[in-house]
Amino acid sequence: TENITISVSTKVCSFGKQVVEKVETEYAHLEGGKYMFRI
């Protein structure tokens, strides 16, 4: 609903412990009155 920049953090856990994390950034694109984010 907003023209912002999002941060997407993906954490993989094994037995409840974090083993790896990947962080990505995506900017908004206005399409049909909505702000779309695509990775």
PDB file of all heavy atoms in Angstrom:
ATOM      1  N   THR A   1       0.806  -1.217   0.000  1.00  0.00           N
ATOM      2  CA  THR A   1       0.000   0.000   0.000  1.00  0.00           C
ATOM      3  C   THR A   1       0.843   1.273   0.000  1.00  0.00           C
ATOM      4  O   THR A   1       0.294   2.357  -0.132  1.00  0.00           O
ATOM      5  CB  THR A   1      -0.925   0.022   1.232  1.00  0.00           C
ATOM      6  OG1 THR A   1      -0.115  -0.009   2.430  1.00  0.00           O
ATOM      7  CG2 THR A   1      -1.864  -1.173   1.228  1.00  0.00           C
ATOM      8  N   GLU A   2       2.165   1.133   0.152  1.00  0.00           N
ATOM      9  CA  GLU A   2       3.031   2.304   0.270  1.00  0.00           C
ATOM     10  C   GLU A   2       4.220   2.200  -0.681  1.00  0.00           C
ATOM     11  O   GLU A   2       4.701   1.099  -0.980  1.00  0.00           O
ATOM     12  CB  GLU A   2       3.530   2.463   1.713  1.00  0.00           C
ATOM     13  CG  GLU A   2       2.410   2.650   2.731  1.00  0.00           C
ATOM     14  CD  GLU A   2       2.943   2.702   4.154  1.00  0.00           C
ATOM     15  OE1 GLU A   2       4.144   2.350   4.349  1.00  0.00           O
ATOM     16  OE2 GLU A   2       2.198   3.096   5.065  1.00  0.00           O
ATOM     17  N   ASN A   3       4.680   3.342  -1.104  1.00  0.00           N
ATOM     18  CA  ASN A   3       5.861   3.415  -1.967  1.00  0.00           C
ATOM     19  C   ASN A   3       7.113   3.404  -1.089  1.00  0.00           C
ATOM     20  O   ASN A   3       7.620   4.452  -0.688  1.00  0.00           O
ATOM     21  CB  ASN A   3       5.803   4.679  -2.817  1.00  0.00           C
ATOM     22  CG  ASN A   3       6.960   4.763  -3.800  1.00  0.00           C
ATOM     23  OD1 ASN A   3       7.675   3.780  -4.011  1.00  0.00           O
ATOM     24  ND2 ASN A   3       7.163   5.928  -4.397  1.00  0.00           N
ATOM     25  N   ILE A   4       7.567   2.203  -0.776  1.00  0.00           N
ATOM     26  CA  ILE A   4       8.705   2.046   0.131  1.00  0.00           C
ATOM     27  C   ILE A   4       9.711   1.077  -0.483  1.00  0.00           C
ATOM     28  O   ILE A   4       9.477   0.491  -1.543  1.00  0.00           O
ATOM     29  CB  ILE A   4       8.253   1.505   1.504  1.00  0.00           C
ATOM     30  CG1 ILE A   4       7.545   0.144   1.328  1.00  0.00           C
ATOM     31  CG2 ILE A   4       7.337   2.497   2.218  1.00  0.00           C
ATOM     32  CD1 ILE A   4       7.195  -0.547   2.637  1.00  0.00           C
ATOM     33  N   THR A   5      10.813   0.895   0.217  1.00  0.00           N
ATOM     34  CA  THR A   5      11.799  -0.130  -0.126  1.00  0.00           C
ATOM     35  C   THR A   5      11.717  -1.214   0.931  1.00  0.00           C
ATOM     36  O   THR A   5      11.714  -0.920   2.132  1.00  0.00           O
ATOM     37  CB  THR A   5      13.215   0.464  -0.165  1.00  0.00           C
ATOM     38  OG1 THR A   5      13.252   1.531  -1.119  1.00  0.00           O
ATOM     39  CG2 THR A   5      14.236  -0.598  -0.538  1.00  0.00           C
ATOM     40  N   ILE A   6      11.603  -2.462   0.488  1.00  0.00           N
ATOM     41  CA  ILE A   6      11.488  -3.559   1.450  1.00  0.00           C
ATOM     42  C   ILE A   6      12.810  -4.319   1.549  1.00  0.00           C
ATOM     43  O   ILE A   6      13.595  -4.380   0.605  1.00  0.00           O
ATOM     44  CB  ILE A   6      10.353  -4.526   1.086  1.00  0.00           C
ATOM     45  CG1 ILE A   6      10.609  -5.194  -0.273  1.00  0.00           C
ATOM     46  CG2 ILE A   6       9.007  -3.809   1.083  1.00  0.00           C
ATOM     47  CD1 ILE A   6       9.617  -6.321  -0.596  1.00  0.00           C
ATOM     48  N   SER A   7      13.008  -4.902   2.718  1.00  0.00           N
ATOM     49  CA  SER A   7      14.142  -5.786   2.973  1.00  0.00           C
ATOM     50  C   SER A   7      13.576  -7.177   3.263  1.00  0.00           C
ATOM     51  O   SER A   7      12.686  -7.316   4.110  1.00  0.00           O
ATOM     52  CB  SER A   7      14.956  -5.283   4.167  1.00  0.00           C
ATOM     53  OG  SER A   7      15.986  -6.190   4.496  1.00  0.00           O
ATOM     54  N   VAL A   8      14.088  -8.189   2.544  1.00  0.00           N
ATOM     55  CA  VAL A   8      13.592  -9.555   2.706  1.00  0.00           C
ATOM     56  C   VAL A   8      14.717 -10.416   3.268  1.00  0.00           C
ATOM     57  O   VAL A   8      15.729 -10.658   2.610  1.00  0.00           O
ATOM     58  CB  VAL A   8      13.094 -10.135   1.369  1.00  0.00           C
ATOM     59  CG1 VAL A   8      12.537 -11.539   1.579  1.00  0.00           C
ATOM     60  CG2 VAL A   8      12.035  -9.228   0.744  1.00  0.00           C
ATOM     61  N   SER A   9      14.508 -10.852   4.515  1.00  0.00           N
ATOM     62  CA  SER A   9      15.484 -11.707   5.188  1.00  0.00           C
ATOM     63  C   SER A   9      14.964 -13.132   5.219  1.00  0.00           C
ATOM     64  O   SER A   9      13.847 -13.386   5.666  1.00  0.00           O
ATOM     65  CB  SER A   9      15.721 -11.212   6.620  1.00  0.00           C
ATOM     66  OG  SER A   9      16.399 -12.195   7.384  1.00  0.00           O
ATOM     67  N   THR A  10      15.785 -14.090   4.715  1.00  0.00           N
ATOM     68  CA  THR A  10      15.411 -15.502   4.724  1.00  0.00           C
ATOM     69  C   THR A  10      16.433 -16.259   5.564  1.00  0.00           C
ATOM     70  O   THR A  10      17.618 -16.316   5.220  1.00  0.00           O
ATOM     71  CB  THR A  10      15.373 -16.071   3.301  1.00  0.00           C
ATOM     72  OG1 THR A  10      14.480 -15.282   2.504  1.00  0.00           O
ATOM     73  CG2 THR A  10      14.899 -17.508   3.305  1.00  0.00           C
ATOM     74  N   LYS A  11      15.963 -16.820   6.685  1.00  0.00           N
ATOM     75  CA  LYS A  11      16.850 -17.524   7.615  1.00  0.00           C
ATOM     76  C   LYS A  11      16.526 -19.008   7.607  1.00  0.00           C
ATOM     77  O   LYS A  11      15.362 -19.396   7.788  1.00  0.00           O
ATOM     78  CB  LYS A  11      16.678 -16.973   9.035  1.00  0.00           C
ATOM     79  CG  LYS A  11      16.975 -15.490   9.165  1.00  0.00           C
ATOM     80  CD  LYS A  11      16.669 -14.999  10.581  1.00  0.00           C
ATOM     81  CE  LYS A  11      16.935 -13.505  10.699  1.00  0.00           C
ATOM     82  NZ  LYS A  11      16.617 -13.003  12.067  1.00  0.00           N
ATOM     83  N   VAL A  12      17.548 -19.835   7.394  1.00  0.00           N
ATOM     84  CA  VAL A  12      17.392 -21.283   7.431  1.00  0.00           C
ATOM     85  C   VAL A  12      17.843 -21.774   8.798  1.00  0.00           C
ATOM     86  O   VAL A  12      18.926 -21.415   9.274  1.00  0.00           O
ATOM     87  CB  VAL A  12      18.222 -21.953   6.322  1.00  0.00           C
ATOM     88  CG1 VAL A  12      18.102 -23.478   6.409  1.00  0.00           C
ATOM     89  CG2 VAL A  12      17.779 -21.453   4.955  1.00  0.00           C
ATOM     90  N   CYS A  13      16.975 -22.583   9.439  1.00  0.00           N
ATOM     91  CA  CYS A  13      17.276 -23.084  10.783  1.00  0.00           C
ATOM     92  C   CYS A  13      17.291 -24.611  10.784  1.00  0.00           C
ATOM     93  O   CYS A  13      16.474 -25.253  10.117  1.00  0.00           O
ATOM     94  CB  CYS A  13      16.235 -22.592  11.790  1.00  0.00           C
ATOM     95  SG  CYS A  13      16.151 -20.792  11.948  1.00  0.00           S
ATOM     96  N   SER A  14      18.210 -25.169  11.534  1.00  0.00           N
ATOM     97  CA  SER A  14      18.292 -26.612  11.740  1.00  0.00           C
ATOM     98  C   SER A  14      18.321 -26.862  13.243  1.00  0.00           C
ATOM     99  O   SER A  14      19.155 -26.290  13.951  1.00  0.00           O
ATOM    100  CB  SER A  14      19.548 -27.166  11.073  1.00  0.00           C
ATOM    101  OG  SER A  14      19.661 -28.549  11.303  1.00  0.00           O
ATOM    102  N   PHE A  15      17.387 -27.690  13.717  1.00  0.00           N
ATOM    103  CA  PHE A  15      17.241 -27.941  15.153  1.00  0.00           C
ATOM    104  C   PHE A  15      17.131 -26.631  15.945  1.00  0.00           C
ATOM    105  O   PHE A  15      17.676 -26.493  17.035  1.00  0.00           O
ATOM    106  CB  PHE A  15      18.408 -28.776  15.675  1.00  0.00           C
ATOM    107  CG  PHE A  15      18.382 -30.194  15.180  1.00  0.00           C
ATOM    108  CD1 PHE A  15      19.057 -30.534  14.014  1.00  0.00           C
ATOM    109  CD2 PHE A  15      17.680 -31.188  15.858  1.00  0.00           C
ATOM    110  CE1 PHE A  15      19.036 -31.842  13.544  1.00  0.00           C
ATOM    111  CE2 PHE A  15      17.660 -32.486  15.390  1.00  0.00           C
ATOM    112  CZ  PHE A  15      18.333 -32.819  14.231  1.00  0.00           C
ATOM    113  N   GLY A  16      16.419 -25.657  15.379  1.00  0.00           N
ATOM    114  CA  GLY A  16      16.184 -24.399  16.074  1.00  0.00           C
ATOM    115  C   GLY A  16      17.352 -23.440  16.052  1.00  0.00           C
ATOM    116  O   GLY A  16      17.276 -22.369  16.667  1.00  0.00           O
ATOM    117  N   LYS A  17      18.412 -23.771  15.338  1.00  0.00           N
ATOM    118  CA  LYS A  17      19.589 -22.894  15.258  1.00  0.00           C
ATOM    119  C   LYS A  17      19.731 -22.358  13.842  1.00  0.00           C
ATOM    120  O   LYS A  17      19.612 -23.095  12.864  1.00  0.00           O
ATOM    121  CB  LYS A  17      20.865 -23.662  15.632  1.00  0.00           C
ATOM    122  CG  LYS A  17      20.812 -24.325  17.005  1.00  0.00           C
ATOM    123  CD  LYS A  17      20.699 -23.301  18.128  1.00  0.00           C
ATOM    124  CE  LYS A  17      20.699 -23.995  19.490  1.00  0.00           C
ATOM    125  NZ  LYS A  17      20.542 -23.028  20.608  1.00  0.00           N
ATOM    126  N   GLN A  18      20.014 -21.072  13.751  1.00  0.00           N
ATOM    127  CA  GLN A  18      20.185 -20.459  12.431  1.00  0.00           C
ATOM    128  C   GLN A  18      21.503 -20.920  11.813  1.00  0.00           C
ATOM    129  O   GLN A  18      22.560 -20.854  12.441  1.00  0.00           O
ATOM    130  CB  GLN A  18      20.175 -18.935  12.559  1.00  0.00           C
ATOM    131  CG  GLN A  18      20.348 -18.220  11.228  1.00  0.00           C
ATOM    132  CD  GLN A  18      20.266 -16.713  11.380  1.00  0.00           C
ATOM    133  OE1 GLN A  18      19.393 -16.196  12.063  1.00  0.00           O
ATOM    134  NE2 GLN A  18      21.198 -16.003  10.742  1.00  0.00           N
ATOM    135  N   VAL A  19      21.433 -21.389  10.555  1.00  0.00           N
ATOM    136  CA  VAL A  19      22.639 -21.863   9.882  1.00  0.00           C
ATOM    137  C   VAL A  19      23.031 -20.962   8.708  1.00  0.00           C
ATOM    138  O   VAL A  19      24.208 -20.932   8.308  1.00  0.00           O
ATOM    139  CB  VAL A  19      22.467 -23.321   9.390  1.00  0.00           C
ATOM    140  CG1 VAL A  19      22.361 -24.266  10.587  1.00  0.00           C
ATOM    141  CG2 VAL A  19      21.253 -23.467   8.493  1.00  0.00           C
ATOM    142  N   VAL A  20      22.085 -20.260   8.138  1.00  0.00           N
ATOM    143  CA  VAL A  20      22.408 -19.371   7.033  1.00  0.00           C
ATOM    144  C   VAL A  20      21.289 -18.324   6.904  1.00  0.00           C
ATOM    145  O   VAL A  20      20.131 -18.596   7.233  1.00  0.00           O
ATOM    146  CB  VAL A  20      22.578 -20.166   5.707  1.00  0.00           C
ATOM    147  CG1 VAL A  20      21.268 -20.802   5.266  1.00  0.00           C
ATOM    148  CG2 VAL A  20      23.135 -19.282   4.607  1.00  0.00           C
ATOM    149  N   GLU A  21      21.659 -17.137   6.438  1.00  0.00           N
ATOM    150  CA  GLU A  21      20.691 -16.072   6.213  1.00  0.00           C
ATOM    151  C   GLU A  21      21.015 -15.357   4.906  1.00  0.00           C
ATOM    152  O   GLU A  21      22.189 -15.114   4.582  1.00  0.00           O
ATOM    153  CB  GLU A  21      20.704 -15.049   7.361  1.00  0.00           C
ATOM    154  CG  GLU A  21      19.704 -13.902   7.142  1.00  0.00           C
ATOM    155  CD  GLU A  21      19.739 -12.859   8.248  1.00  0.00           C
ATOM    156  OE1 GLU A  21      20.724 -12.855   9.038  1.00  0.00           O
ATOM    157  OE2 GLU A  21      18.809 -12.034   8.324  1.00  0.00           O
ATOM    158  N   LYS A  22      19.973 -15.035   4.165  1.00  0.00           N
ATOM    159  CA  LYS A  22      20.113 -14.266   2.936  1.00  0.00           C
ATOM    160  C   LYS A  22      19.223 -13.039   3.028  1.00  0.00           C
ATOM    161  O   LYS A  22      18.041 -13.150   3.368  1.00  0.00           O
ATOM    162  CB  LYS A  22      19.709 -15.120   1.731  1.00  0.00           C
ATOM    163  CG  LYS A  22      19.904 -14.421   0.383  1.00  0.00           C
ATOM    164  CD  LYS A  22      19.569 -15.369  -0.764  1.00  0.00           C
ATOM    165  CE  LYS A  22      19.853 -14.713  -2.109  1.00  0.00           C
ATOM    166  NZ  LYS A  22      19.566 -15.635  -3.241  1.00  0.00           N
ATOM    167  N   VAL A  23      19.780 -11.855   2.725  1.00  0.00           N
ATOM    168  CA  VAL A  23      19.028 -10.604   2.803  1.00  0.00           C
ATOM    169  C   VAL A  23      19.004  -9.962   1.420  1.00  0.00           C
ATOM    170  O   VAL A  23      20.049  -9.804   0.780  1.00  0.00           O
ATOM    171  CB  VAL A  23      19.636  -9.640   3.835  1.00  0.00           C
ATOM    172  CG1 VAL A  23      18.837  -8.337   3.881  1.00  0.00           C
ATOM    173  CG2 VAL A  23      19.670 -10.281   5.221  1.00  0.00           C
ATOM    174  N   GLU A  24      17.792  -9.609   0.970  1.00  0.00           N
ATOM    175  CA  GLU A  24      17.629  -8.976  -0.335  1.00  0.00           C
ATOM    176  C   GLU A  24      16.812  -7.696  -0.193  1.00  0.00           C
ATOM    177  O   GLU A  24      16.022  -7.538   0.740  1.00  0.00           O
ATOM    178  CB  GLU A  24      16.912  -9.941  -1.304  1.00  0.00           C
ATOM    179  CG  GLU A  24      17.699 -11.220  -1.549  1.00  0.00           C
ATOM    180  CD  GLU A  24      16.872 -12.264  -2.266  1.00  0.00           C
ATOM    181  OE1 GLU A  24      16.077 -12.940  -1.605  1.00  0.00           O
ATOM    182  OE2 GLU A  24      17.026 -12.405  -3.496  1.00  0.00           O
ATOM    183  N   THR A  25      17.011  -6.784  -1.140  1.00  0.00           N
ATOM    184  CA  THR A  25      16.307  -5.503  -1.137  1.00  0.00           C
ATOM    185  C   THR A  25      15.520  -5.363  -2.436  1.00  0.00           C
ATOM    186  O   THR A  25      16.007  -5.734  -3.513  1.00  0.00           O
ATOM    187  CB  THR A  25      17.301  -4.334  -1.003  1.00  0.00           C
ATOM    188  OG1 THR A  25      17.995  -4.463   0.240  1.00  0.00           O
ATOM    189  CG2 THR A  25      16.587  -2.994  -1.041  1.00  0.00           C
ATOM    190  N   GLU A  26      14.304  -4.829  -2.318  1.00  0.00           N
ATOM    191  CA  GLU A  26      13.473  -4.643  -3.504  1.00  0.00           C
ATOM    192  C   GLU A  26      12.727  -3.326  -3.407  1.00  0.00           C
ATOM    193  O   GLU A  26      12.243  -2.933  -2.343  1.00  0.00           O
ATOM    194  CB  GLU A  26      12.483  -5.804  -3.662  1.00  0.00           C
ATOM    195  CG  GLU A  26      11.631  -5.743  -4.911  1.00  0.00           C
ATOM    196  CD  GLU A  26      12.438  -5.766  -6.199  1.00  0.00           C
ATOM    197  OE1 GLU A  26      13.565  -6.334  -6.195  1.00  0.00           O
ATOM    198  OE2 GLU A  26      11.962  -5.207  -7.201  1.00  0.00           O
ATOM    199  N   TYR A  27      12.629  -2.635  -4.553  1.00  0.00           N
ATOM    200  CA  TYR A  27      11.958  -1.334  -4.620  1.00  0.00           C
ATOM    201  C   TYR A  27      10.554  -1.509  -5.197  1.00  0.00           C
ATOM    202  O   TYR A  27      10.269  -2.452  -5.932  1.00  0.00           O
ATOM    203  CB  TYR A  27      12.772  -0.372  -5.479  1.00  0.00           C
ATOM    204  CG  TYR A  27      14.173  -0.147  -4.960  1.00  0.00           C
ATOM    205  CD1 TYR A  27      15.234  -0.942  -5.414  1.00  0.00           C
ATOM    206  CD2 TYR A  27      14.434   0.834  -4.006  1.00  0.00           C
ATOM    207  CE1 TYR A  27      16.516  -0.758  -4.929  1.00  0.00           C
ATOM    208  CE2 TYR A  27      15.721   1.023  -3.512  1.00  0.00           C
ATOM    209  CZ  TYR A  27      16.751   0.221  -3.972  1.00  0.00           C
ATOM    210  OH  TYR A  27      18.027   0.409  -3.480  1.00  0.00           O
ATOM    211  N   ALA A  28       9.692  -0.557  -4.866  1.00  0.00           N
ATOM    212  CA  ALA A  28       8.293  -0.612  -5.307  1.00  0.00           C
ATOM    213  C   ALA A  28       8.159  -0.169  -6.759  1.00  0.00           C
ATOM    214  O   ALA A  28       8.884   0.712  -7.229  1.00  0.00           O
ATOM    215  CB  ALA A  28       7.434   0.271  -4.409  1.00  0.00           C
ATOM    216  N   HIS A  29       7.220  -0.805  -7.456  1.00  0.00           N
ATOM    217  CA  HIS A  29       6.855  -0.405  -8.817  1.00  0.00           C
ATOM    218  C   HIS A  29       5.345  -0.225  -8.857  1.00  0.00           C
ATOM    219  O   HIS A  29       4.601  -1.154  -8.532  1.00  0.00           O
ATOM    220  CB  HIS A  29       7.294  -1.478  -9.825  1.00  0.00           C
ATOM    221  CG  HIS A  29       8.747  -1.791  -9.780  1.00  0.00           C
ATOM    222  ND1 HIS A  29       9.702  -1.036 -10.428  1.00  0.00           N
ATOM    223  CD2 HIS A  29       9.431  -2.784  -9.136  1.00  0.00           C
ATOM    224  CE1 HIS A  29      10.903  -1.542 -10.210  1.00  0.00           C
ATOM    225  NE2 HIS A  29      10.764  -2.615  -9.420  1.00  0.00           N
ATOM    226  N   LEU A  30       4.899   0.966  -9.228  1.00  0.00           N
ATOM    227  CA  LEU A  30       3.471   1.261  -9.247  1.00  0.00           C
ATOM    228  C   LEU A  30       2.814   0.595 -10.459  1.00  0.00           C
ATOM    229  O   LEU A  30       3.179   0.866 -11.601  1.00  0.00           O
ATOM    230  CB  LEU A  30       3.231   2.771  -9.280  1.00  0.00           C
ATOM    231  CG  LEU A  30       1.766   3.228  -9.190  1.00  0.00           C
ATOM    232  CD1 LEU A  30       1.141   2.767  -7.877  1.00  0.00           C
ATOM    233  CD2 LEU A  30       1.681   4.746  -9.323  1.00  0.00           C
ATOM    234  N   GLU A  31       1.838  -0.273 -10.189  1.00  0.00           N
ATOM    235  CA  GLU A  31       1.117  -0.976 -11.258  1.00  0.00           C
ATOM    236  C   GLU A  31      -0.349  -1.073 -10.874  1.00  0.00           C
ATOM    237  O   GLU A  31      -0.692  -1.670  -9.846  1.00  0.00           O
ATOM    238  CB  GLU A  31       1.685  -2.391 -11.461  1.00  0.00           C
ATOM    239  CG  GLU A  31       3.128  -2.421 -11.907  1.00  0.00           C
ATOM    240  CD  GLU A  31       3.653  -3.830 -12.057  1.00  0.00           C
ATOM    241  OE1 GLU A  31       2.807  -4.769 -12.096  1.00  0.00           O
ATOM    242  OE2 GLU A  31       4.876  -4.013 -12.120  1.00  0.00           O
ATOM    243  N   GLY A  32      -1.217  -0.466 -11.684  1.00  0.00           N
ATOM    244  CA  GLY A  32      -2.657  -0.564 -11.440  1.00  0.00           C
ATOM    245  C   GLY A  32      -3.087  -0.020 -10.102  1.00  0.00           C
ATOM    246  O   GLY A  32      -3.999  -0.574  -9.481  1.00  0.00           O
ATOM    247  N   GLY A  33      -2.437   1.027  -9.641  1.00  0.00           N
ATOM    248  CA  GLY A  33      -2.800   1.625  -8.365  1.00  0.00           C
ATOM    249  C   GLY A  33      -2.222   0.935  -7.155  1.00  0.00           C
ATOM    250  O   GLY A  33      -2.517   1.319  -6.018  1.00  0.00           O
ATOM    251  N   LYS A  34      -1.409  -0.108  -7.361  1.00  0.00           N
ATOM    252  CA  LYS A  34      -0.782  -0.825  -6.260  1.00  0.00           C
ATOM    253  C   LYS A  34       0.737  -0.796  -6.432  1.00  0.00           C
ATOM    254  O   LYS A  34       1.247  -0.720  -7.547  1.00  0.00           O
ATOM    255  CB  LYS A  34      -1.269  -2.277  -6.202  1.00  0.00           C
ATOM    256  CG  LYS A  34      -2.760  -2.422  -5.952  1.00  0.00           C
ATOM    257  CD  LYS A  34      -3.150  -3.887  -5.956  1.00  0.00           C
ATOM    258  CE  LYS A  34      -4.640  -4.070  -5.730  1.00  0.00           C
ATOM    259  NZ  LYS A  34      -5.034  -5.496  -5.758  1.00  0.00           N
ATOM    260  N   TYR A  35       1.435  -0.909  -5.314  1.00  0.00           N
ATOM    261  CA  TYR A  35       2.895  -0.974  -5.347  1.00  0.00           C
ATOM    262  C   TYR A  35       3.324  -2.434  -5.335  1.00  0.00           C
ATOM    263  O   TYR A  35       3.014  -3.182  -4.408  1.00  0.00           O
ATOM    264  CB  TYR A  35       3.488  -0.214  -4.164  1.00  0.00           C
ATOM    265  CG  TYR A  35       3.231   1.272  -4.244  1.00  0.00           C
ATOM    266  CD1 TYR A  35       2.220   1.866  -3.485  1.00  0.00           C
ATOM    267  CD2 TYR A  35       3.985   2.080  -5.102  1.00  0.00           C
ATOM    268  CE1 TYR A  35       1.974   3.228  -3.569  1.00  0.00           C
ATOM    269  CE2 TYR A  35       3.742   3.448  -5.190  1.00  0.00           C
ATOM    270  CZ  TYR A  35       2.737   4.011  -4.427  1.00  0.00           C
ATOM    271  OH  TYR A  35       2.494   5.367  -4.522  1.00  0.00           O
ATOM    272  N   MET A  36       4.003  -2.839  -6.400  1.00  0.00           N
ATOM    273  CA  MET A  36       4.404  -4.230  -6.567  1.00  0.00           C
ATOM    274  C   MET A  36       5.890  -4.393  -6.257  1.00  0.00           C
ATOM    275  O   MET A  36       6.711  -3.524  -6.576  1.00  0.00           O
ATOM    276  CB  MET A  36       4.131  -4.696  -7.997  1.00  0.00           C
ATOM    277  CG  MET A  36       2.679  -4.507  -8.447  1.00  0.00           C
ATOM    278  SD  MET A  36       1.499  -5.455  -7.472  1.00  0.00           S
ATOM    279  CE  MET A  36       1.989  -7.127  -7.890  1.00  0.00           C
ATOM    280  N   PHE A  37       6.202  -5.541  -5.640  1.00  0.00           N
ATOM    281  CA  PHE A  37       7.590  -5.890  -5.311  1.00  0.00           C
ATOM    282  C   PHE A  37       7.839  -7.297  -5.850  1.00  0.00           C
ATOM    283  O   PHE A  37       7.095  -8.227  -5.526  1.00  0.00           O
ATOM    284  CB  PHE A  37       7.818  -5.863  -3.798  1.00  0.00           C
ATOM    285  CG  PHE A  37       7.442  -4.568  -3.130  1.00  0.00           C
ATOM    286  CD1 PHE A  37       6.134  -4.335  -2.726  1.00  0.00           C
ATOM    287  CD2 PHE A  37       8.387  -3.576  -2.907  1.00  0.00           C
ATOM    288  CE1 PHE A  37       5.772  -3.153  -2.106  1.00  0.00           C
ATOM    289  CE2 PHE A  37       8.043  -2.385  -2.284  1.00  0.00           C
ATOM    290  CZ  PHE A  37       6.724  -2.168  -1.891  1.00  0.00           C
ATOM    291  N   ARG A  38       8.877  -7.448  -6.653  1.00  0.00           N
ATOM    292  CA  ARG A  38       9.181  -8.755  -7.247  1.00  0.00           C
ATOM    293  C   ARG A  38      10.645  -9.119  -7.019  1.00  0.00           C
ATOM    294  O   ARG A  38      11.541  -8.339  -7.337  1.00  0.00           O
ATOM    295  CB  ARG A  38       8.888  -8.747  -8.745  1.00  0.00           C
ATOM    296  CG  ARG A  38       7.406  -8.642  -9.095  1.00  0.00           C
ATOM    297  CD  ARG A  38       7.208  -8.770 -10.606  1.00  0.00           C
ATOM    298  NE  ARG A  38       5.791  -8.721 -10.970  1.00  0.00           N
ATOM    299  CZ  ARG A  38       5.130  -7.600 -11.210  1.00  0.00           C
ATOM    300  NH1 ARG A  38       5.766  -6.424 -11.138  1.00  0.00           N
ATOM    301  NH2 ARG A  38       3.851  -7.629 -11.517  1.00  0.00           N
ATOM    302  N   ILE A  39      10.830 -10.302  -6.472  1.00  0.00           N
ATOM    303  CA  ILE A  39      12.168 -10.890  -6.390  1.00  0.00           C
ATOM    304  C   ILE A  39      12.123 -12.112  -7.295  1.00  0.00           C
ATOM    305  O   ILE A  39      11.524 -13.146  -6.951  1.00  0.00           O
ATOM    306  CB  ILE A  39      12.537 -11.265  -4.943  1.00  0.00           C
ATOM    307  CG1 ILE A  39      12.542 -10.002  -4.074  1.00  0.00           C
ATOM    308  CG2 ILE A  39      13.880 -11.981  -4.895  1.00  0.00           C
ATOM    309  CD1 ILE A  39      12.835 -10.268  -2.610  1.00  0.00           C
TER     310      ILE A  39
END
